[in-house]
N, C-alpha and C. Protein backbone atom coordinates (compact mmCIF):
# COMPACT_ATOMS: atom_id res chain seq x y z
N UNK A 1 -69.34 -28.10 -20.63
CA UNK A 1 -68.49 -27.58 -21.70
C UNK A 1 -68.19 -26.11 -21.49
N UNK A 2 -69.22 -25.39 -21.14
CA UNK A 2 -69.04 -23.95 -20.89
C UNK A 2 -68.02 -23.71 -19.80
N UNK A 3 -68.08 -24.49 -18.76
CA UNK A 3 -67.14 -24.33 -17.64
C UNK A 3 -65.71 -24.62 -18.08
N UNK A 4 -65.54 -25.63 -18.97
CA UNK A 4 -64.20 -25.96 -19.44
C UNK A 4 -63.62 -24.82 -20.27
N UNK A 5 -64.46 -24.21 -21.11
CA UNK A 5 -63.99 -23.07 -21.91
C UNK A 5 -63.58 -21.92 -21.02
N UNK A 6 -64.39 -21.67 -19.98
CA UNK A 6 -64.07 -20.59 -19.06
C UNK A 6 -62.73 -20.84 -18.37
N UNK A 7 -62.52 -22.07 -17.94
CA UNK A 7 -61.26 -22.42 -17.29
C UNK A 7 -60.10 -22.24 -18.24
N UNK A 8 -60.31 -22.68 -19.50
CA UNK A 8 -59.24 -22.55 -20.49
C UNK A 8 -58.89 -21.10 -20.74
N UNK A 9 -59.90 -20.25 -20.85
CA UNK A 9 -59.64 -18.81 -21.06
C UNK A 9 -58.90 -18.21 -19.87
N UNK A 10 -59.26 -18.61 -18.67
CA UNK A 10 -58.59 -18.09 -17.48
C UNK A 10 -57.12 -18.49 -17.47
N UNK A 11 -56.86 -19.73 -17.87
CA UNK A 11 -55.46 -20.19 -17.90
C UNK A 11 -54.65 -19.39 -18.91
N UNK A 12 -55.29 -19.16 -20.10
CA UNK A 12 -54.56 -18.40 -21.12
C UNK A 12 -54.28 -16.98 -20.65
N UNK A 13 -55.24 -16.39 -19.93
CA UNK A 13 -55.01 -15.03 -19.41
C UNK A 13 -53.86 -15.01 -18.41
N UNK A 14 -53.81 -16.05 -17.58
CA UNK A 14 -52.72 -16.10 -16.59
C UNK A 14 -51.36 -16.23 -17.28
N UNK A 15 -51.32 -17.08 -18.31
CA UNK A 15 -50.07 -17.25 -19.05
C UNK A 15 -49.65 -15.94 -19.71
N UNK A 16 -50.66 -15.26 -20.34
CA UNK A 16 -50.36 -13.98 -21.00
C UNK A 16 -49.88 -12.94 -20.01
N UNK A 17 -50.55 -12.84 -18.85
CA UNK A 17 -50.14 -11.87 -17.82
C UNK A 17 -48.75 -12.19 -17.30
N UNK A 18 -48.48 -13.49 -17.13
CA UNK A 18 -47.15 -13.88 -16.65
C UNK A 18 -46.07 -13.50 -17.66
N UNK A 19 -46.39 -13.65 -18.96
CA UNK A 19 -45.42 -13.30 -20.00
C UNK A 19 -45.14 -11.81 -19.98
N UNK A 20 -46.22 -11.00 -19.86
CA UNK A 20 -46.01 -9.55 -19.78
C UNK A 20 -45.18 -9.16 -18.55
N UNK A 21 -45.45 -9.80 -17.43
CA UNK A 21 -44.70 -9.50 -16.21
C UNK A 21 -43.23 -9.84 -16.38
N UNK A 22 -42.95 -10.97 -17.06
CA UNK A 22 -41.56 -11.37 -17.29
C UNK A 22 -40.85 -10.35 -18.16
N UNK A 23 -41.57 -9.87 -19.22
CA UNK A 23 -40.96 -8.86 -20.10
C UNK A 23 -40.66 -7.58 -19.35
N UNK A 24 -41.59 -7.17 -18.48
CA UNK A 24 -41.38 -5.94 -17.71
C UNK A 24 -40.20 -6.09 -16.76
N UNK A 25 -40.11 -7.26 -16.13
CA UNK A 25 -38.99 -7.49 -15.22
C UNK A 25 -37.67 -7.46 -15.97
N UNK A 26 -37.63 -8.06 -17.15
CA UNK A 26 -36.40 -8.06 -17.95
C UNK A 26 -36.02 -6.65 -18.37
N UNK A 27 -37.04 -5.87 -18.74
CA UNK A 27 -36.77 -4.48 -19.11
C UNK A 27 -36.21 -3.72 -17.93
N UNK A 28 -36.79 -3.97 -16.73
CA UNK A 28 -36.30 -3.30 -15.53
C UNK A 28 -34.87 -3.68 -15.23
N UNK A 29 -34.54 -4.96 -15.42
CA UNK A 29 -33.16 -5.41 -15.19
C UNK A 29 -32.21 -4.70 -16.13
N UNK A 30 -32.62 -4.51 -17.36
CA UNK A 30 -31.75 -3.87 -18.34
C UNK A 30 -31.48 -2.42 -17.96
N UNK A 31 -32.51 -1.72 -17.43
CA UNK A 31 -32.31 -0.31 -17.11
C UNK A 31 -31.53 -0.11 -15.82
N UNK A 32 -31.52 -1.08 -14.90
CA UNK A 32 -30.80 -0.92 -13.63
C UNK A 32 -29.46 -1.64 -13.62
N UNK A 33 -29.05 -2.17 -14.78
CA UNK A 33 -27.77 -2.85 -14.85
C UNK A 33 -26.65 -1.87 -14.50
N UNK A 34 -25.66 -2.25 -13.66
CA UNK A 34 -24.58 -1.34 -13.28
C UNK A 34 -23.86 -0.78 -14.49
N UNK A 35 -23.59 0.51 -14.44
CA UNK A 35 -22.90 1.18 -15.53
C UNK A 35 -21.40 1.10 -15.32
N UNK A 36 -20.68 1.14 -16.41
CA UNK A 36 -19.21 1.14 -16.32
C UNK A 36 -18.75 2.44 -15.68
N UNK A 37 -17.68 2.41 -14.89
CA UNK A 37 -17.19 3.63 -14.25
C UNK A 37 -16.86 4.70 -15.28
N UNK A 38 -17.23 5.93 -14.95
CA UNK A 38 -16.93 7.04 -15.85
C UNK A 38 -15.43 7.29 -15.89
N UNK A 39 -14.97 7.82 -17.01
CA UNK A 39 -13.54 8.13 -17.14
C UNK A 39 -13.16 9.20 -16.14
N UNK A 40 -11.94 9.08 -15.62
CA UNK A 40 -11.46 10.04 -14.63
C UNK A 40 -11.42 11.44 -15.22
N UNK A 41 -11.83 12.42 -14.43
CA UNK A 41 -11.80 13.81 -14.89
C UNK A 41 -10.36 14.24 -15.07
N UNK A 42 -10.02 14.91 -16.16
CA UNK A 42 -8.64 15.33 -16.39
C UNK A 42 -8.11 16.19 -15.25
N UNK A 43 -6.83 16.04 -14.95
CA UNK A 43 -6.20 16.78 -13.87
C UNK A 43 -6.33 18.28 -14.08
N UNK A 44 -6.28 18.72 -15.32
CA UNK A 44 -6.39 20.16 -15.60
C UNK A 44 -7.73 20.72 -15.15
N UNK A 45 -8.75 19.86 -15.04
CA UNK A 45 -10.05 20.30 -14.54
C UNK A 45 -10.18 20.08 -13.03
N UNK A 46 -9.58 18.99 -12.53
CA UNK A 46 -9.68 18.68 -11.10
C UNK A 46 -8.90 19.68 -10.26
N UNK A 47 -7.71 20.07 -10.72
CA UNK A 47 -6.84 20.93 -9.91
C UNK A 47 -7.49 22.25 -9.52
N UNK A 48 -8.07 23.03 -10.45
CA UNK A 48 -8.71 24.29 -10.04
C UNK A 48 -9.85 24.07 -9.04
N UNK A 49 -10.59 22.97 -9.20
CA UNK A 49 -11.70 22.69 -8.27
C UNK A 49 -11.17 22.41 -6.87
N UNK A 50 -10.07 21.69 -6.77
CA UNK A 50 -9.47 21.42 -5.46
C UNK A 50 -8.92 22.70 -4.84
N UNK A 51 -8.24 23.50 -5.64
CA UNK A 51 -7.67 24.75 -5.13
C UNK A 51 -8.74 25.74 -4.70
N UNK A 52 -9.94 25.60 -5.24
CA UNK A 52 -11.03 26.52 -4.91
C UNK A 52 -11.76 26.13 -3.64
N UNK A 53 -11.46 24.97 -3.06
CA UNK A 53 -12.11 24.56 -1.82
C UNK A 53 -11.66 25.49 -0.70
N UNK A 54 -12.57 26.26 -0.16
CA UNK A 54 -12.21 27.27 0.84
C UNK A 54 -12.51 26.83 2.27
N UNK A 55 -13.28 25.76 2.42
CA UNK A 55 -13.64 25.31 3.77
C UNK A 55 -13.60 23.79 3.82
N UNK A 56 -12.94 23.27 4.84
CA UNK A 56 -12.93 21.83 5.07
C UNK A 56 -12.59 21.56 6.52
N UNK A 57 -12.86 20.35 6.95
CA UNK A 57 -12.45 19.88 8.27
C UNK A 57 -11.88 18.48 8.12
N UNK A 58 -10.88 18.18 8.90
CA UNK A 58 -10.33 16.83 8.90
C UNK A 58 -9.91 16.47 10.32
N UNK A 59 -9.94 15.18 10.59
CA UNK A 59 -9.48 14.65 11.86
C UNK A 59 -8.60 13.44 11.58
N UNK A 60 -7.54 13.31 12.35
CA UNK A 60 -6.64 12.19 12.15
C UNK A 60 -5.46 12.28 13.09
N UNK A 61 -4.28 12.01 12.53
CA UNK A 61 -3.07 12.06 13.33
C UNK A 61 -1.96 12.72 12.53
N UNK A 62 -1.02 13.31 13.26
CA UNK A 62 0.13 13.95 12.63
C UNK A 62 1.39 13.47 13.33
N UNK A 63 2.43 13.27 12.54
CA UNK A 63 3.74 12.90 13.08
C UNK A 63 4.78 13.80 12.42
N UNK A 64 5.71 14.29 13.22
CA UNK A 64 6.74 15.19 12.71
C UNK A 64 8.10 14.76 13.23
N UNK A 65 9.12 14.99 12.41
CA UNK A 65 10.48 14.65 12.82
C UNK A 65 11.45 15.62 12.17
N UNK A 66 12.45 16.03 12.94
CA UNK A 66 13.49 16.91 12.40
C UNK A 66 14.79 16.16 12.18
N UNK A 67 14.71 14.85 12.18
CA UNK A 67 15.90 14.04 11.98
C UNK A 67 16.57 13.62 13.27
N UNK A 68 16.22 14.28 14.38
CA UNK A 68 16.81 13.96 15.68
C UNK A 68 15.75 13.50 16.67
N UNK A 69 14.63 14.17 16.67
CA UNK A 69 13.55 13.81 17.58
C UNK A 69 12.22 13.85 16.84
N UNK A 70 11.25 13.11 17.38
CA UNK A 70 9.96 13.04 16.72
C UNK A 70 8.83 13.45 17.64
N UNK A 71 7.69 13.73 17.04
CA UNK A 71 6.50 14.15 17.77
C UNK A 71 5.29 13.58 17.04
N UNK A 72 4.31 13.10 17.78
CA UNK A 72 3.07 12.64 17.17
C UNK A 72 1.90 13.05 18.05
N UNK A 73 0.76 13.27 17.43
CA UNK A 73 -0.41 13.75 18.17
C UNK A 73 -1.66 13.53 17.35
N UNK A 74 -2.81 13.58 18.03
CA UNK A 74 -4.08 13.63 17.34
C UNK A 74 -4.21 14.99 16.66
N UNK A 75 -4.96 15.04 15.59
CA UNK A 75 -5.05 16.26 14.79
C UNK A 75 -6.51 16.55 14.44
N UNK A 76 -6.88 17.81 14.65
CA UNK A 76 -8.15 18.32 14.12
C UNK A 76 -7.87 19.64 13.42
N UNK A 77 -8.25 19.72 12.16
CA UNK A 77 -7.96 20.90 11.34
C UNK A 77 -9.26 21.41 10.76
N UNK A 78 -9.54 22.70 11.01
CA UNK A 78 -10.70 23.38 10.43
C UNK A 78 -10.20 24.56 9.60
N UNK A 79 -10.54 24.56 8.33
CA UNK A 79 -10.10 25.62 7.42
C UNK A 79 -11.31 26.42 6.96
N UNK A 80 -11.23 27.73 7.08
CA UNK A 80 -12.26 28.64 6.58
C UNK A 80 -11.55 29.75 5.82
N UNK A 81 -11.63 29.69 4.50
CA UNK A 81 -10.91 30.63 3.65
C UNK A 81 -9.43 30.61 4.03
N UNK A 82 -8.86 31.75 4.39
CA UNK A 82 -7.44 31.78 4.72
C UNK A 82 -7.13 31.53 6.18
N UNK A 83 -8.13 31.16 6.97
CA UNK A 83 -7.95 30.97 8.41
C UNK A 83 -7.98 29.48 8.75
N UNK A 84 -6.90 29.02 9.37
CA UNK A 84 -6.82 27.64 9.81
C UNK A 84 -6.85 27.57 11.33
N UNK A 85 -7.66 26.67 11.87
CA UNK A 85 -7.70 26.40 13.30
C UNK A 85 -7.29 24.94 13.49
N UNK A 86 -6.18 24.73 14.17
CA UNK A 86 -5.60 23.38 14.29
C UNK A 86 -5.41 23.04 15.75
N UNK A 87 -5.92 21.88 16.13
CA UNK A 87 -5.74 21.39 17.49
C UNK A 87 -4.90 20.12 17.46
N UNK A 88 -3.83 20.13 18.27
CA UNK A 88 -2.97 18.96 18.44
C UNK A 88 -3.20 18.41 19.84
N UNK A 89 -3.43 17.12 19.94
CA UNK A 89 -3.68 16.51 21.25
C UNK A 89 -2.77 15.30 21.42
N UNK A 90 -1.78 15.44 22.27
CA UNK A 90 -0.84 14.37 22.54
C UNK A 90 -1.23 13.66 23.84
N UNK A 91 -0.74 12.44 24.06
CA UNK A 91 -1.07 11.71 25.29
C UNK A 91 -0.74 12.52 26.54
N UNK A 92 -1.66 12.52 27.50
CA UNK A 92 -1.48 13.20 28.77
C UNK A 92 -1.31 14.71 28.61
N UNK A 93 -1.66 15.24 27.41
CA UNK A 93 -1.56 16.68 27.19
C UNK A 93 -0.18 17.17 26.84
N UNK A 94 0.82 16.25 26.83
CA UNK A 94 2.19 16.67 26.52
C UNK A 94 2.29 17.09 25.06
N UNK A 95 2.74 18.32 24.85
CA UNK A 95 2.91 18.80 23.49
C UNK A 95 1.63 19.26 22.83
N UNK A 96 0.51 19.22 23.54
CA UNK A 96 -0.75 19.65 22.93
C UNK A 96 -0.69 21.14 22.64
N UNK A 97 -1.45 21.55 21.62
CA UNK A 97 -1.44 22.97 21.26
C UNK A 97 -2.68 23.31 20.44
N UNK A 98 -3.09 24.57 20.56
CA UNK A 98 -4.17 25.12 19.74
C UNK A 98 -3.53 26.18 18.86
N UNK A 99 -3.69 26.03 17.55
CA UNK A 99 -3.00 26.89 16.59
C UNK A 99 -4.03 27.65 15.76
N UNK A 100 -3.84 28.96 15.65
CA UNK A 100 -4.65 29.80 14.77
C UNK A 100 -3.70 30.39 13.73
N UNK A 101 -3.91 30.03 12.46
CA UNK A 101 -3.04 30.49 11.40
C UNK A 101 -3.84 31.29 10.39
N UNK A 102 -3.51 32.58 10.25
CA UNK A 102 -4.17 33.43 9.27
C UNK A 102 -3.21 33.81 8.17
N UNK A 103 -3.63 34.71 7.31
CA UNK A 103 -2.78 35.10 6.19
C UNK A 103 -1.51 35.81 6.63
N UNK A 104 -1.59 36.54 7.74
CA UNK A 104 -0.42 37.27 8.21
C UNK A 104 -0.26 37.20 9.73
N UNK A 105 -0.84 36.18 10.36
CA UNK A 105 -0.75 36.09 11.82
C UNK A 105 -0.74 34.63 12.24
N UNK A 106 0.02 34.34 13.29
CA UNK A 106 0.10 33.00 13.87
C UNK A 106 -0.06 33.12 15.38
N UNK A 107 -0.96 32.33 15.93
CA UNK A 107 -1.17 32.30 17.38
C UNK A 107 -1.13 30.86 17.85
N UNK A 108 -0.39 30.61 18.91
CA UNK A 108 -0.29 29.27 19.49
C UNK A 108 -0.65 29.35 20.96
N UNK A 109 -1.59 28.51 21.39
CA UNK A 109 -1.94 28.40 22.80
C UNK A 109 -1.47 27.03 23.29
N UNK A 110 -0.62 27.03 24.29
CA UNK A 110 -0.05 25.78 24.79
C UNK A 110 -1.03 25.06 25.70
N UNK A 111 -0.67 23.83 26.10
CA UNK A 111 -1.53 23.05 26.99
C UNK A 111 -1.64 23.68 28.37
N UNK A 112 -0.71 24.59 28.71
CA UNK A 112 -0.78 25.31 29.98
C UNK A 112 -1.64 26.57 29.90
N UNK A 113 -2.21 26.82 28.70
CA UNK A 113 -3.09 27.98 28.55
C UNK A 113 -2.36 29.25 28.20
N UNK A 114 -1.07 29.18 27.91
CA UNK A 114 -0.29 30.36 27.54
C UNK A 114 -0.47 30.62 26.05
N UNK A 115 -0.84 31.84 25.70
CA UNK A 115 -1.06 32.22 24.30
C UNK A 115 0.11 33.04 23.80
N UNK A 116 0.68 32.60 22.67
CA UNK A 116 1.83 33.26 22.07
C UNK A 116 1.48 33.70 20.66
N UNK A 117 2.08 34.79 20.22
CA UNK A 117 1.80 35.31 18.89
C UNK A 117 3.10 35.57 18.13
N UNK A 118 2.98 35.65 16.83
CA UNK A 118 4.04 36.01 15.91
C UNK A 118 5.32 35.20 16.17
N UNK A 119 6.45 35.88 16.41
CA UNK A 119 7.74 35.18 16.53
C UNK A 119 7.74 34.18 17.67
N UNK A 120 7.13 34.55 18.80
CA UNK A 120 7.08 33.63 19.95
C UNK A 120 6.25 32.40 19.61
N UNK A 121 5.18 32.58 18.84
CA UNK A 121 4.35 31.45 18.42
C UNK A 121 5.11 30.54 17.47
N UNK A 122 5.87 31.12 16.57
CA UNK A 122 6.68 30.33 15.65
C UNK A 122 7.72 29.51 16.40
N UNK A 123 8.35 30.12 17.40
CA UNK A 123 9.34 29.42 18.19
C UNK A 123 8.71 28.26 18.97
N UNK A 124 7.51 28.49 19.52
CA UNK A 124 6.83 27.44 20.27
C UNK A 124 6.44 26.28 19.35
N UNK A 125 5.95 26.62 18.17
CA UNK A 125 5.55 25.59 17.22
C UNK A 125 6.76 24.78 16.77
N UNK A 126 7.87 25.45 16.51
CA UNK A 126 9.09 24.75 16.12
C UNK A 126 9.60 23.87 17.26
N UNK A 127 9.43 24.32 18.49
CA UNK A 127 9.85 23.51 19.64
C UNK A 127 8.95 22.28 19.81
N UNK A 128 7.67 22.43 19.46
CA UNK A 128 6.73 21.32 19.61
C UNK A 128 6.90 20.28 18.51
N UNK A 129 6.94 20.75 17.24
CA UNK A 129 7.00 19.83 16.10
C UNK A 129 8.43 19.53 15.63
N UNK A 130 9.37 20.40 16.01
CA UNK A 130 10.73 20.26 15.51
C UNK A 130 11.02 21.25 14.40
N UNK A 131 9.98 21.82 13.80
CA UNK A 131 10.11 22.84 12.77
C UNK A 131 8.73 23.45 12.55
N UNK A 132 8.69 24.59 11.88
CA UNK A 132 7.40 25.23 11.59
C UNK A 132 6.93 24.84 10.19
N UNK A 133 5.83 24.12 10.07
CA UNK A 133 5.34 23.71 8.75
C UNK A 133 4.90 24.90 7.91
N UNK A 134 4.93 24.76 6.62
CA UNK A 134 4.46 25.85 5.72
C UNK A 134 2.94 25.82 5.59
N UNK A 135 2.24 26.35 6.60
CA UNK A 135 0.79 26.24 6.65
C UNK A 135 0.09 26.84 5.43
N UNK A 136 0.66 27.93 4.89
CA UNK A 136 0.02 28.57 3.74
C UNK A 136 -0.13 27.63 2.56
N UNK A 137 0.86 26.79 2.33
CA UNK A 137 0.80 25.81 1.24
C UNK A 137 0.19 24.50 1.69
N UNK A 138 0.37 24.16 2.97
CA UNK A 138 -0.11 22.88 3.48
C UNK A 138 -1.62 22.74 3.36
N UNK A 139 -2.33 23.85 3.43
CA UNK A 139 -3.80 23.81 3.31
C UNK A 139 -4.22 23.27 1.94
N UNK A 140 -3.38 23.47 0.91
CA UNK A 140 -3.65 22.92 -0.42
C UNK A 140 -3.13 21.49 -0.53
N UNK A 141 -1.94 21.26 0.03
CA UNK A 141 -1.32 19.94 -0.08
C UNK A 141 -2.19 18.85 0.55
N UNK A 142 -2.82 19.15 1.69
CA UNK A 142 -3.65 18.13 2.34
C UNK A 142 -4.86 17.75 1.47
N UNK A 143 -5.24 18.62 0.55
CA UNK A 143 -6.34 18.34 -0.36
C UNK A 143 -5.88 17.58 -1.61
N UNK A 144 -4.57 17.36 -1.71
CA UNK A 144 -4.05 16.70 -2.90
C UNK A 144 -3.91 17.67 -4.06
N UNK A 145 -3.53 18.92 -3.77
CA UNK A 145 -3.39 19.95 -4.80
C UNK A 145 -2.14 20.78 -4.52
N UNK A 146 -1.65 21.43 -5.54
CA UNK A 146 -0.51 22.33 -5.38
C UNK A 146 -1.00 23.71 -4.96
N UNK A 147 -0.10 24.48 -4.35
CA UNK A 147 -0.39 25.86 -3.96
C UNK A 147 -0.41 26.70 -5.24
N UNK A 148 -1.52 27.36 -5.56
CA UNK A 148 -1.60 28.11 -6.82
C UNK A 148 -0.68 29.32 -6.87
N UNK A 149 -0.14 29.73 -5.72
CA UNK A 149 0.71 30.91 -5.69
C UNK A 149 2.17 30.59 -6.00
N UNK A 150 2.52 29.31 -6.12
CA UNK A 150 3.92 28.92 -6.29
C UNK A 150 4.08 27.98 -7.48
N UNK A 151 5.25 28.05 -8.10
CA UNK A 151 5.57 27.12 -9.18
C UNK A 151 5.62 25.70 -8.62
N UNK A 152 5.21 24.73 -9.44
CA UNK A 152 5.12 23.36 -8.94
C UNK A 152 5.49 22.36 -10.02
N UNK A 153 6.07 21.25 -9.57
CA UNK A 153 6.29 20.09 -10.43
C UNK A 153 5.37 18.98 -9.91
N UNK A 154 4.43 18.56 -10.72
CA UNK A 154 3.40 17.62 -10.28
C UNK A 154 3.52 16.29 -11.01
N UNK A 155 3.30 15.22 -10.28
CA UNK A 155 3.19 13.88 -10.86
C UNK A 155 1.79 13.36 -10.55
N UNK A 156 1.09 12.85 -11.58
CA UNK A 156 -0.30 12.45 -11.46
C UNK A 156 -0.41 10.95 -11.68
N UNK A 157 -1.29 10.28 -10.90
CA UNK A 157 -1.47 8.85 -11.07
C UNK A 157 -2.45 8.57 -12.22
N UNK A 158 -2.73 7.28 -12.48
CA UNK A 158 -3.58 6.93 -13.61
C UNK A 158 -5.04 7.27 -13.40
N UNK A 159 -5.42 7.71 -12.17
CA UNK A 159 -6.77 8.16 -11.89
C UNK A 159 -6.86 9.69 -11.85
N UNK A 160 -5.82 10.34 -12.39
CA UNK A 160 -5.79 11.80 -12.45
C UNK A 160 -5.83 12.44 -11.07
N UNK A 161 -5.03 11.86 -10.16
CA UNK A 161 -4.89 12.39 -8.80
C UNK A 161 -3.42 12.66 -8.52
N UNK A 162 -3.16 13.65 -7.69
CA UNK A 162 -1.78 14.01 -7.38
C UNK A 162 -1.11 12.90 -6.57
N UNK A 163 0.04 12.45 -7.05
CA UNK A 163 0.79 11.43 -6.32
C UNK A 163 2.07 12.01 -5.72
N UNK A 164 2.72 12.94 -6.45
CA UNK A 164 3.96 13.54 -5.95
C UNK A 164 4.02 14.99 -6.41
N UNK A 165 4.55 15.82 -5.53
CA UNK A 165 4.63 17.26 -5.80
C UNK A 165 5.92 17.81 -5.24
N UNK A 166 6.56 18.68 -5.99
CA UNK A 166 7.73 19.42 -5.50
C UNK A 166 7.43 20.90 -5.65
N UNK A 167 7.48 21.60 -4.49
CA UNK A 167 7.07 23.00 -4.48
C UNK A 167 7.77 23.74 -3.35
N UNK A 168 8.39 24.86 -3.68
CA UNK A 168 9.03 25.72 -2.68
C UNK A 168 10.04 24.97 -1.81
N UNK A 169 10.76 24.02 -2.41
CA UNK A 169 11.77 23.28 -1.68
C UNK A 169 11.24 22.08 -0.91
N UNK A 170 9.93 21.87 -0.90
CA UNK A 170 9.31 20.75 -0.20
C UNK A 170 8.90 19.67 -1.20
N UNK A 171 8.92 18.43 -0.74
CA UNK A 171 8.41 17.30 -1.52
C UNK A 171 7.17 16.76 -0.82
N UNK A 172 6.13 16.54 -1.59
CA UNK A 172 4.84 16.11 -1.05
C UNK A 172 4.40 14.83 -1.75
N UNK A 173 4.04 13.83 -0.96
CA UNK A 173 3.51 12.58 -1.50
C UNK A 173 2.11 12.35 -0.95
N UNK A 174 1.17 12.08 -1.85
CA UNK A 174 -0.23 11.85 -1.47
C UNK A 174 -0.62 10.42 -1.81
N UNK A 175 -1.35 9.77 -0.89
CA UNK A 175 -1.71 8.37 -1.11
C UNK A 175 -3.02 8.05 -0.41
N UNK A 176 -3.52 6.83 -0.68
CA UNK A 176 -4.71 6.29 -0.01
C UNK A 176 -5.90 7.23 -0.17
N UNK A 177 -6.28 7.50 -1.41
CA UNK A 177 -7.37 8.45 -1.69
C UNK A 177 -8.73 7.85 -1.34
N UNK A 178 -9.65 8.74 -0.95
CA UNK A 178 -11.04 8.37 -0.68
C UNK A 178 -11.95 9.37 -1.37
N UNK A 179 -13.09 8.89 -1.85
CA UNK A 179 -14.05 9.77 -2.52
C UNK A 179 -14.91 10.45 -1.45
N UNK A 180 -14.75 11.77 -1.33
CA UNK A 180 -15.49 12.57 -0.36
C UNK A 180 -16.39 13.52 -1.15
N UNK A 181 -17.69 13.26 -1.12
CA UNK A 181 -18.58 14.06 -1.96
C UNK A 181 -18.25 13.82 -3.42
N UNK A 182 -17.86 14.86 -4.12
CA UNK A 182 -17.49 14.76 -5.53
C UNK A 182 -15.99 14.80 -5.75
N UNK A 183 -15.21 14.78 -4.67
CA UNK A 183 -13.77 14.94 -4.80
C UNK A 183 -13.02 13.74 -4.21
N UNK A 184 -11.96 13.35 -4.89
CA UNK A 184 -11.03 12.38 -4.34
C UNK A 184 -10.01 13.12 -3.50
N UNK A 185 -9.93 12.79 -2.20
CA UNK A 185 -9.02 13.46 -1.28
C UNK A 185 -8.08 12.43 -0.65
N UNK A 186 -6.82 12.81 -0.44
CA UNK A 186 -5.86 11.86 0.13
C UNK A 186 -6.10 11.65 1.62
N UNK A 187 -5.85 10.44 2.08
CA UNK A 187 -5.93 10.14 3.50
C UNK A 187 -4.54 10.01 4.12
N UNK A 188 -3.51 10.12 3.30
CA UNK A 188 -2.14 10.12 3.81
C UNK A 188 -1.32 11.11 2.99
N UNK A 189 -0.72 12.08 3.66
CA UNK A 189 0.11 13.10 3.01
C UNK A 189 1.43 13.17 3.75
N UNK A 190 2.52 13.02 3.02
CA UNK A 190 3.86 13.09 3.60
C UNK A 190 4.60 14.26 2.99
N UNK A 191 5.11 15.14 3.83
CA UNK A 191 5.81 16.34 3.40
C UNK A 191 7.24 16.28 3.93
N UNK A 192 8.22 16.42 3.05
CA UNK A 192 9.63 16.33 3.47
C UNK A 192 10.44 17.47 2.88
N UNK A 193 11.47 17.80 3.62
CA UNK A 193 12.47 18.78 3.15
C UNK A 193 13.77 18.44 3.85
N UNK A 194 14.68 17.83 3.10
CA UNK A 194 15.92 17.30 3.67
C UNK A 194 15.58 16.35 4.83
N UNK A 195 16.01 16.65 6.06
CA UNK A 195 15.75 15.72 7.16
C UNK A 195 14.37 15.95 7.81
N UNK A 196 13.69 17.02 7.42
CA UNK A 196 12.39 17.32 8.02
C UNK A 196 11.31 16.46 7.38
N UNK A 197 10.43 15.94 8.21
CA UNK A 197 9.34 15.10 7.71
C UNK A 197 8.06 15.37 8.52
N UNK A 198 6.97 15.55 7.80
CA UNK A 198 5.66 15.74 8.41
C UNK A 198 4.68 14.78 7.72
N UNK A 199 4.02 13.94 8.50
CA UNK A 199 3.07 12.97 7.94
C UNK A 199 1.70 13.19 8.56
N UNK A 200 0.70 13.34 7.71
CA UNK A 200 -0.68 13.48 8.17
C UNK A 200 -1.47 12.28 7.69
N UNK A 201 -2.15 11.63 8.62
CA UNK A 201 -3.04 10.52 8.31
C UNK A 201 -4.45 10.97 8.66
N UNK A 202 -5.32 11.03 7.67
CA UNK A 202 -6.67 11.56 7.85
C UNK A 202 -7.65 10.40 8.06
N UNK A 203 -8.36 10.43 9.16
CA UNK A 203 -9.39 9.43 9.45
C UNK A 203 -10.76 9.89 8.97
N UNK A 204 -11.00 11.20 9.04
CA UNK A 204 -12.32 11.74 8.69
C UNK A 204 -12.15 13.03 7.89
N UNK A 205 -12.83 13.12 6.77
CA UNK A 205 -12.89 14.33 5.96
C UNK A 205 -14.31 14.90 5.98
N UNK A 206 -14.42 16.22 6.01
CA UNK A 206 -15.71 16.89 5.86
C UNK A 206 -15.51 18.12 4.99
N UNK A 207 -16.33 18.23 3.95
CA UNK A 207 -16.27 19.40 3.05
C UNK A 207 -17.54 20.23 3.22
C-alpha cells in the first residue's frame, strides 16, 4: 500500500510539473510573438537624418546617355563629408576613370593615367559620360534625399520615402529601397534633364 501511495504522489508531481512547464512555455510564446511593423517615420524627420549622412560607400553600375550616345560602367563611390571619390570601370578599361570631386575642385584620372583638373577634368568627364553630372547634389540624391542648399519639389511614397524630386532643373526618381542599418536607401536612382539621363543601380550600400 505504501508503495502505491508513493507511486501516486510521484505521478501527481509529474503532472503538476508538466502543467507548470506548459504555462511557462505559453507565456514565452506570448512574449516572443512577432510585433506589428512600426509606423513609418514621418518624412519631415527622415529627411534631415538623410541629409546629415556625411560618409557612405556604394558599389553598383552607372549608365549615362546624352540622347545620342550612351555609356555604362561599374561604379564605386566613396563619400567623406564634401569629398567624393568615384571609380568607373568599363569593359577592357575603355572609358574607365578615377574621379575626385571636392567642394571647389574636380580631378579626373583617365585609364591611361593622365590626370586632369578643373576645366580639363570637366571636359574629360563630359566626353566620357556625355555630360557632367551635378555631383554636389547627386551625393544627396543617391541617398534618397533632396539637396538642402536648393529649393525642391518632393513626392513621397506611402512608406515616407522619396519617390520623385525636381531640383535645379533636374528630375530624380528613386526606387527599389533597401533597409541599410536604420535608413531606407534607394537601390535605383534615375536623374534626367531633357535628353540627359543618368541611372545608378546600387548593389551594395555601406554607411
